[in-house]
Amino acid sequence: MITVLLVDDDVLVRAGVRMILEAESDIDVVGEAGSGREAIDLADRLRPDVVLMDIEMQDVHGIEACRTITASNDGVNVVMLTTFQSDEYLFESLKSGASGFLLKRSPPDELLNAVRVVAAGEGLLASSVTVRLIDEFARRAPVSEIDRSRVELLTDREIEVLGLVGRGFNNREIAEATHMSESTAKTHLKRILMKLGLRDRVAAVVYSHETGLVDRDR
């Protein structure tokens, strides 16, 4: 059973999302929060698999609440919800540790898919979103030098796979580019995440750009 915490300061929005989620036999809404501060407290206490987090809230901003929750709760994955598509919010949400970013106007099947994918630890980043994220990294100055103490844990093949993940390749595309099976590509990614201590694929995309691995591989 996938456990979900709903966070939105609009009671009607929460009610609508709850109806969609609880119609599914494998999803259980274990709590609701109307503020960022309440979300942090409930996430600590309930430790849900997924937090659906509104970005715009009155007390603690959704991005700050996400940062606090992901920093203190391993295994709690946050999907940020917004009514509008903002590159700045996208960038800051993923930097804060979010595992996905979804528009509130997304159809129910996309919402359900997001919950299931993120609960499975895969991370949710559509190809169009990945391209925008990469463009944003390219526009900004490099954040840091490559952390050799972590990168050197990777094999040459794993560094190659991480570079492709950073460019937005999915597992099938990685397999085709490296002439390996899709299952092997998935295994490589799992090992990369474990070695680098990264939460999911989304974190791997951010890491590969912050450390310059994508630029180095070009």
Foldseek 3Di string as FASTA:
>chain_A
DAEEEEEALDPVLVVVLQVLQVVDPVYDHPYYYNALVVVLVCCVVVVGQEYEFEQDHDPDGRLRSLLNSCVPHANYAYEYEYQDDDLVCLQSNLVSPHLYYYYSPDDSVVVVVQSVCVSVQAGDADLVNLVSNLVVLVPDDQQDAAPCVQVVVDDPLLLVLLLVLLSVDDLVRSCVVVVHDSVVSVVSQVVSCVSNVHRHSSSSNVNCSNHCSNVVVD
